[in-house]
Protein backbone atom coordinates (compact mmCIF):
# COMPACT_ATOMS: atom_id res chain seq x y z
CA MET A 1 137.82 104.64 104.09
CA THR A 2 138.63 107.13 101.32
CA THR A 3 138.49 110.91 101.42
CA SER A 4 135.25 110.83 99.44
CA ASP A 5 133.53 108.89 102.24
CA HIS A 6 133.66 112.08 104.35
CA LEU A 7 131.83 114.14 101.75
CA SER A 8 128.31 115.24 102.54
CA ILE A 9 125.66 113.51 100.45
CA SER A 10 124.75 115.59 97.41
CA ALA A 11 121.20 116.26 96.24
CA ALA A 12 121.71 113.79 93.36
CA GLU A 13 122.94 111.10 95.74
CA LEU A 14 120.07 111.75 98.15
CA GLY A 15 117.55 111.41 95.33
CA SER A 16 119.12 108.12 94.23
CA LEU A 17 119.11 106.75 97.77
CA TRP A 18 115.46 107.74 98.15
CA MET A 19 114.52 106.01 94.90
CA GLY A 20 116.48 102.94 95.94
CA TYR A 21 114.59 102.71 99.23
CA GLU A 22 111.19 103.05 97.54
CA ASN A 23 112.12 100.49 94.89
CA LYS A 24 113.59 97.89 97.20
CA THR A 25 110.92 98.02 99.90
CA MET A 26 108.33 97.50 97.14
CA ASN A 27 110.28 94.57 95.69
CA MET A 28 110.41 92.94 99.12
CA ARG A 29 106.63 93.06 99.46
CA PHE A 30 106.07 91.37 96.09
CA LEU A 31 108.70 88.76 96.92
CA GLU A 32 107.11 88.01 100.32
CA HIS A 33 103.87 87.06 98.58
CA TYR A 34 105.60 85.08 95.84
CA ILE A 35 107.73 83.17 98.37
CA GLU A 36 104.66 82.33 100.44
CA LYS A 37 102.89 80.87 97.39
CA ALA A 38 105.90 79.22 95.71
CA GLU A 39 105.58 75.47 95.14
CA ASN A 40 108.58 74.78 92.92
CA PRO A 41 111.66 74.42 95.20
CA GLU A 42 114.02 75.97 92.66
CA ALA A 43 111.73 78.96 92.07
CA LYS A 44 111.34 79.44 95.81
CA ALA A 45 115.11 79.38 96.29
CA ILE A 46 115.57 82.07 93.61
CA LEU A 47 112.90 84.28 95.19
CA LYS A 48 114.30 83.83 98.71
CA SER A 49 117.85 84.54 97.56
CA TYR A 50 116.94 87.92 96.06
CA TYR A 51 114.68 88.74 99.00
CA LYS A 52 117.59 88.20 101.38
CA LYS A 53 119.78 90.54 99.32
CA GLU A 54 117.08 93.20 99.06
CA SER A 55 116.58 93.02 102.84
CA LYS A 56 120.28 93.69 103.42
CA HIS A 57 120.19 96.56 100.93
CA VAL A 58 117.24 98.18 102.72
CA GLU A 59 119.07 97.81 106.02
CA THR A 60 122.12 99.55 104.52
CA LEU A 61 120.00 102.35 103.07
CA THR A 62 118.24 102.80 106.42
CA ASN A 63 121.60 103.18 108.18
CA ILE A 64 122.75 105.79 105.64
CA PHE A 65 119.61 107.89 106.12
CA GLN A 66 119.99 107.71 109.88
CA GLU A 67 123.71 108.57 109.80
CA GLU A 68 123.00 111.60 107.62
CA GLY A 69 120.18 112.81 109.86
CA ALA A 70 117.61 112.46 107.08
CA VAL A 71 114.07 111.27 107.69
CA LEU A 72 113.52 107.69 106.52
CA PRO A 73 111.07 107.36 103.61
CA VAL A 74 107.87 105.42 104.27
CA GLY A 75 108.33 103.24 101.21
CA TYR A 76 106.32 100.01 101.32
CA THR A 77 105.70 98.03 104.49
CA GLU A 78 103.92 94.91 105.71
CA LYS A 79 100.70 96.93 105.43
CA ASP A 80 101.03 96.76 101.65
CA VAL A 81 100.86 92.98 101.37
CA GLU A 82 98.28 90.59 102.82
CA PRO A 83 99.71 87.34 104.23
CA GLY A 84 97.62 84.37 103.17
CA GLY A 85 96.05 86.33 100.33
CA ASP A 86 95.00 84.62 97.11
CA ARG A 87 97.59 83.97 94.41
CA LEU A 88 97.16 86.63 91.72
CA PHE A 89 99.50 85.09 89.11
CA ASP A 90 100.80 81.63 88.26
CA GLU A 91 104.24 80.66 89.56
CA MET A 92 106.01 81.12 86.24
CA PHE A 93 104.82 84.72 86.18
CA ASP A 94 106.30 85.30 89.63
CA ILE A 95 109.73 84.51 88.19
CA MET A 96 109.00 86.53 85.02
CA HIS A 97 108.06 89.50 87.19
CA LEU A 98 111.25 89.16 89.22
CA ARG A 99 113.28 88.93 85.99
CA LEU A 100 111.78 92.19 84.74
CA ILE A 101 112.41 93.78 88.14
CA THR A 102 116.09 92.85 87.86
CA ILE A 103 116.28 94.28 84.32
CA ILE A 104 114.91 97.57 85.63
CA ASN A 105 117.23 97.46 88.64
CA MET A 106 120.33 96.85 86.52
CA GLY A 107 119.57 99.96 84.48
CA LEU A 108 118.41 102.10 87.41
CA PHE A 109 121.39 101.46 89.67
CA THR A 110 123.91 101.80 86.87
CA VAL A 111 122.52 105.32 86.34
CA HIS A 112 122.64 105.95 90.09
CA LEU A 113 126.28 104.81 90.13
CA THR A 114 127.15 107.54 87.62
CA MET A 115 125.56 110.11 89.95
CA ALA A 116 127.49 108.96 93.04
CA TYR A 117 130.74 110.68 94.10
CA ARG A 118 131.21 109.20 97.55
CA ASP A 119 133.26 106.01 97.42
CA ASP A 120 130.95 104.10 99.77
CA LEU A 121 127.91 104.94 97.62
CA ARG A 122 129.68 103.94 94.41
CA LYS A 123 130.51 100.58 95.96
CA LEU A 124 126.92 100.27 97.18
CA TYR A 125 125.47 100.72 93.67
CA GLN A 126 128.01 98.29 92.26
CA ARG A 127 126.73 95.74 94.76
CA PHE A 128 123.09 96.53 93.92
CA THR A 129 123.82 96.03 90.22
CA ALA A 130 125.83 92.82 90.75
CA ASP A 131 123.04 91.29 92.85
CA ALA A 132 120.45 92.21 90.21
CA GLN A 133 122.66 90.67 87.50
CA ASP A 134 122.96 87.46 89.50
CA ALA A 135 119.18 87.25 89.96
CA TYR A 136 118.69 88.00 86.26
CA ASP A 137 120.91 85.02 85.40
CA GLN A 138 119.00 82.74 87.77
CA THR A 139 115.54 83.78 86.58
CA THR A 140 116.51 83.61 82.89
CA ASP A 141 118.03 80.12 83.27
CA PHE A 142 114.98 78.91 85.19
CA LEU A 143 112.48 80.21 82.63
CA LEU A 144 114.47 78.88 79.66
CA LYS A 145 114.81 75.47 81.30
CA HIS A 146 111.03 75.29 81.70
CA ALA A 147 110.46 76.71 78.19
CA ALA A 148 108.43 79.50 79.82
CA ILE A 149 109.97 82.27 77.73
CA PRO A 150 111.09 82.13 74.10
CA ARG A 151 114.42 83.49 72.94
CA PRO A 152 114.46 86.54 70.67
CA PRO A 153 114.09 86.01 66.89
CA TYR A 154 116.90 84.62 64.75
CA ILE A 155 118.28 85.96 61.48
CA THR A 156 120.82 84.49 59.07
CA MET A 157 124.41 84.95 60.21
CA PRO A 158 126.26 87.56 58.06
CA LYS A 159 128.90 86.25 55.65
CA ASP A 160 130.37 89.63 54.68
CA VAL A 161 130.85 93.09 56.18
CA GLU A 162 128.44 95.59 54.61
CA PHE A 163 128.50 99.41 54.53
CA ALA A 164 125.47 101.57 53.71
CA LYS A 165 125.78 102.58 50.06
CA SER A 166 123.09 105.26 49.92
CA LYS A 167 120.75 107.39 52.01
CA GLN A 168 118.03 104.86 51.23
CA TYR A 169 119.35 102.82 54.16
CA MET A 170 117.83 105.36 56.56
CA THR A 171 114.49 105.94 54.79
CA GLY A 172 111.19 104.50 55.85
CA PHE A 173 108.49 107.13 55.39
CA ASN A 174 107.83 106.84 51.66
CA LEU A 175 104.81 104.58 51.23
CA PHE A 176 105.77 103.84 47.63
CA SER A 177 109.40 102.88 48.26
CA HIS A 178 110.72 99.64 49.65
CA LYS A 179 111.67 99.76 53.33
CA ARG A 180 114.82 97.82 54.11
CA SER A 181 114.52 94.94 56.56
CA LEU A 182 115.16 95.63 60.20
CA ASN A 183 118.76 95.21 61.30
CA ALA A 184 119.83 93.12 64.31
CA VAL A 185 120.18 96.13 66.62
CA GLU A 186 116.68 97.35 65.79
CA ILE A 187 115.22 93.85 66.22
CA GLY A 188 116.87 93.55 69.64
CA ASN A 189 115.45 96.82 70.93
CA LEU A 190 111.98 96.13 69.55
CA TYR A 191 111.93 92.64 71.05
CA LEU A 192 113.00 93.87 74.50
CA SER A 193 110.05 96.27 74.51
CA LEU A 194 107.74 93.57 73.12
CA GLU A 195 108.69 91.13 75.88
CA ALA A 196 108.36 93.76 78.63
CA ASN A 197 104.92 94.84 77.43
CA THR A 198 103.75 91.22 77.20
CA ILE A 199 104.63 90.78 80.87
CA GLY A 200 103.18 94.20 81.66
CA MET A 201 99.89 93.22 80.02
CA THR A 202 99.57 90.24 82.38
CA LEU A 203 100.56 92.35 85.38
CA MET A 204 97.93 94.98 84.55
CA THR A 205 95.31 92.24 84.05
CA GLY A 206 95.87 90.90 87.56
CA PHE A 207 95.93 94.38 89.07
CA ALA A 208 92.78 95.50 87.21
CA GLN A 209 90.64 92.57 88.27
CA SER A 210 91.61 92.85 91.94
CA ALA A 211 91.98 96.59 92.65
CA ARG A 212 89.77 98.00 95.38
CA ASN A 213 89.91 101.62 94.28
CA LYS A 214 87.85 102.28 91.12
CA ASP A 215 90.22 104.98 89.83
CA ALA A 216 93.18 102.66 90.26
CA ALA A 217 91.26 99.85 88.53
CA LYS A 218 90.64 102.13 85.54
CA ILE A 219 94.35 102.95 85.32
CA PHE A 220 95.17 99.24 85.33
CA PHE A 221 92.58 98.54 82.59
CA ASP A 222 94.04 101.41 80.56
CA GLY A 223 97.53 100.01 81.16
CA LYS A 224 96.47 96.59 79.92
CA ASP A 225 94.98 98.08 76.75
CA LEU A 226 98.06 100.24 76.15
CA ALA A 227 100.41 97.28 76.59
CA LYS A 228 98.25 95.25 74.19
CA GLN A 229 98.42 98.02 71.57
CA ILE A 230 102.21 98.26 71.90
CA VAL A 231 102.61 94.48 71.58
CA THR A 232 100.48 94.51 68.41
CA LYS A 233 102.41 97.44 66.92
CA LEU A 234 105.84 95.97 67.65
CA SER A 235 104.81 92.51 66.42
CA ASP A 236 103.60 94.06 63.15
CA LEU A 237 106.92 95.87 62.69
CA LEU A 238 108.81 92.61 63.13
CA ARG A 239 106.48 90.64 60.86
CA GLN A 240 106.85 93.24 58.09
CA SER A 241 110.50 92.19 57.95
CA ASP A 242 109.50 88.51 58.03
CA VAL A 243 110.88 88.23 61.56
CA HIS A 244 109.14 85.61 63.69
CA THR A 245 107.56 86.87 66.93
CA PRO A 246 107.55 83.99 69.43
CA SER A 247 104.86 83.92 72.11
CA MET A 248 104.82 82.84 75.77
CA TRP A 249 102.64 79.99 77.00
CA ALA A 250 103.21 80.64 80.72
CA GLY A 251 102.83 83.65 82.96
CA ILE A 252 99.13 84.32 83.37
CA ALA A 253 96.86 86.01 85.90
CA THR A 254 94.63 83.76 87.98
CA ASP A 255 90.88 84.35 88.33
CA SER A 256 91.32 85.88 91.80
CA THR A 257 89.61 89.20 92.44
CA ASN A 258 91.20 89.68 95.87
CA ALA A 259 94.46 91.60 95.62
CA PRO A 260 97.20 90.49 98.04
CA PHE A 261 98.82 93.91 97.45
CA SER A 262 97.67 97.41 98.32
CA ASP A 263 96.36 99.64 95.53
CA LYS A 264 99.09 102.09 96.49
CA MET A 265 101.84 99.55 95.82
CA MET A 266 100.27 98.28 92.59
CA MET A 267 100.04 101.87 91.37
CA TYR A 268 103.70 102.51 92.18
CA GLN A 269 104.77 99.35 90.36
CA THR A 270 102.71 100.53 87.39
CA SER A 271 104.52 103.88 87.51
CA VAL A 272 107.93 102.17 87.61
CA PHE A 273 107.05 100.04 84.58
CA ALA A 274 105.73 103.07 82.67
CA ASN A 275 108.99 104.92 83.29
CA PHE A 276 110.92 101.85 82.13
CA GLY A 277 108.79 101.84 78.98
CA LEU A 278 109.72 105.47 78.28
CA THR A 279 113.41 104.68 78.75
CA SER A 280 113.23 101.63 76.47
CA ASN A 281 111.50 103.71 73.80
CA ALA A 282 114.19 106.37 74.00
CA ILE A 283 116.96 103.79 73.61
CA GLY A 284 115.13 102.09 70.75
CA SER A 285 114.72 105.42 68.96
CA ALA A 286 118.35 106.43 69.51
CA PHE A 287 119.69 103.25 67.92
CA SER A 288 117.20 102.97 65.04
CA LEU A 289 118.57 104.04 61.65
CA ARG A 290 115.36 103.52 59.67
CA SER A 291 113.61 106.89 59.78
CA ASP A 292 110.08 105.58 60.32
CA LEU A 293 110.98 103.73 63.53
CA PRO A 294 111.77 106.74 65.77
CA ALA A 295 108.51 108.39 64.64
CA LYS A 296 106.47 105.30 65.50
CA LEU A 297 108.27 104.86 68.80
CA ALA A 298 107.73 108.56 69.58
CA LYS A 299 103.97 108.05 69.23
CA THR A 300 104.22 105.11 71.62
CA ALA A 301 106.26 107.23 74.03
CA THR A 302 103.58 109.94 73.94
CA ASP A 303 100.92 107.35 74.86
CA ILE A 304 103.07 105.98 77.69
CA PHE A 305 103.77 109.49 79.00
CA SER A 306 100.05 110.32 79.03
CA PHE A 307 99.35 107.05 80.86
CA ALA A 308 102.11 107.76 83.40
CA LYS A 309 100.72 111.26 83.99
CA ASN A 310 97.22 109.90 84.63
CA SER A 311 98.68 107.31 86.99
CA GLY A 312 100.48 110.03 88.93
CA GLN A 313 97.30 112.06 89.27
CA VAL A 314 95.45 109.08 90.75
CA MET A 315 98.30 108.52 93.22
CA VAL A 316 98.21 112.18 94.29
CA GLU A 317 94.42 112.22 94.65
CA ASN A 318 94.55 109.18 96.93
CA GLY A 319 97.53 110.34 98.99
CA TRP A 320 99.77 107.53 97.68
CA LEU A 321 102.56 109.59 96.10
CA GLU A 322 105.42 110.04 98.54
CA GLU A 323 107.42 113.14 97.64
CA PRO A 324 111.18 112.85 97.09
CA PRO A 325 113.38 115.23 99.12
CA GLN A 326 113.36 118.65 97.49
CA ALA A 327 115.35 121.87 97.53
CA GLU A 328 114.31 124.64 99.88
CA ASP A 329 111.80 127.10 98.46
CA ARG A 330 113.86 130.22 99.01
CA THR A 331 111.01 132.51 97.92
CA GLN A 332 108.69 131.09 100.56
CA LEU A 333 111.42 131.24 103.20
CA ALA A 334 112.01 134.91 102.38
CA LYS A 335 108.27 135.64 102.57
CA GLY A 336 108.07 133.92 105.93
CA GLN A 337 110.97 135.95 107.26
CA SER A 338 109.33 139.12 105.96
CA ASN A 339 106.06 138.30 107.72
CA LYS A 340 107.90 138.04 111.05
CA GLN A 341 109.05 141.64 110.81
């Protein structure tokens, strides 16, 4: 045990632990349903492997909260998934969903690692990230082997090193001037967002057709339409540079209208994906050197932010939004003390 293990948990660390608990208890509920419905032995083994790791992580997080004397978050429980419920997506989508979950987890827990000062918490986030990386490898290999996901587009390999020779390299707004073709970095960021929104569109379709709460159903319909618009916009950007946009044949919603998941949990998953979309847009904008791309991605980010805000309002109105731990309201405490006098 190092000296840092004896440090009290900071507000940043507490917030990260809280987010980790919410995230992982939700993942477990989705995995329970997917494992129950899995028919392919290899797919089932992948799902069960990550479920086992997530279960251990939740147990570790529970112990930390208890040791620190902090109330345990509610998160997501067996009440949020219906055993024996109808399959909402085909089996390939189950693995696609898990793959996207691991992509989000790799990014989320890397950020949380940078906010951790206690040695035990740093090691914990390293383990979280390593387990997500392992599951990402397994899901990617499985989907590629079954030709369920295409690889990103190809371009001709460079023969020479090139340096930008004029400011024209960064232009893109002038309708009457030629826009340069997208570079490999820009293609990569656009394709990541394109793939995520394609999966998100299917997820929202399943949620929309099975939601019990009408306000939640509207959010899911709006989410499906927004994802569709983003896919169209990103595909057009790639096609303008004569870059092929491969499509997926697998990963579809079934015709079930009976959700095996609670509206509360489907709304939270929607919120997580919206936040991931905002992060992806920010990264794509930061590494885009053609001036029109950040502007177009900013418009997309504005649409995603508005959608996320509406989602949050529905969660609040239905009592589904669990509040993270927050700092003491010193003004209210002072007023309360004053009232006692």
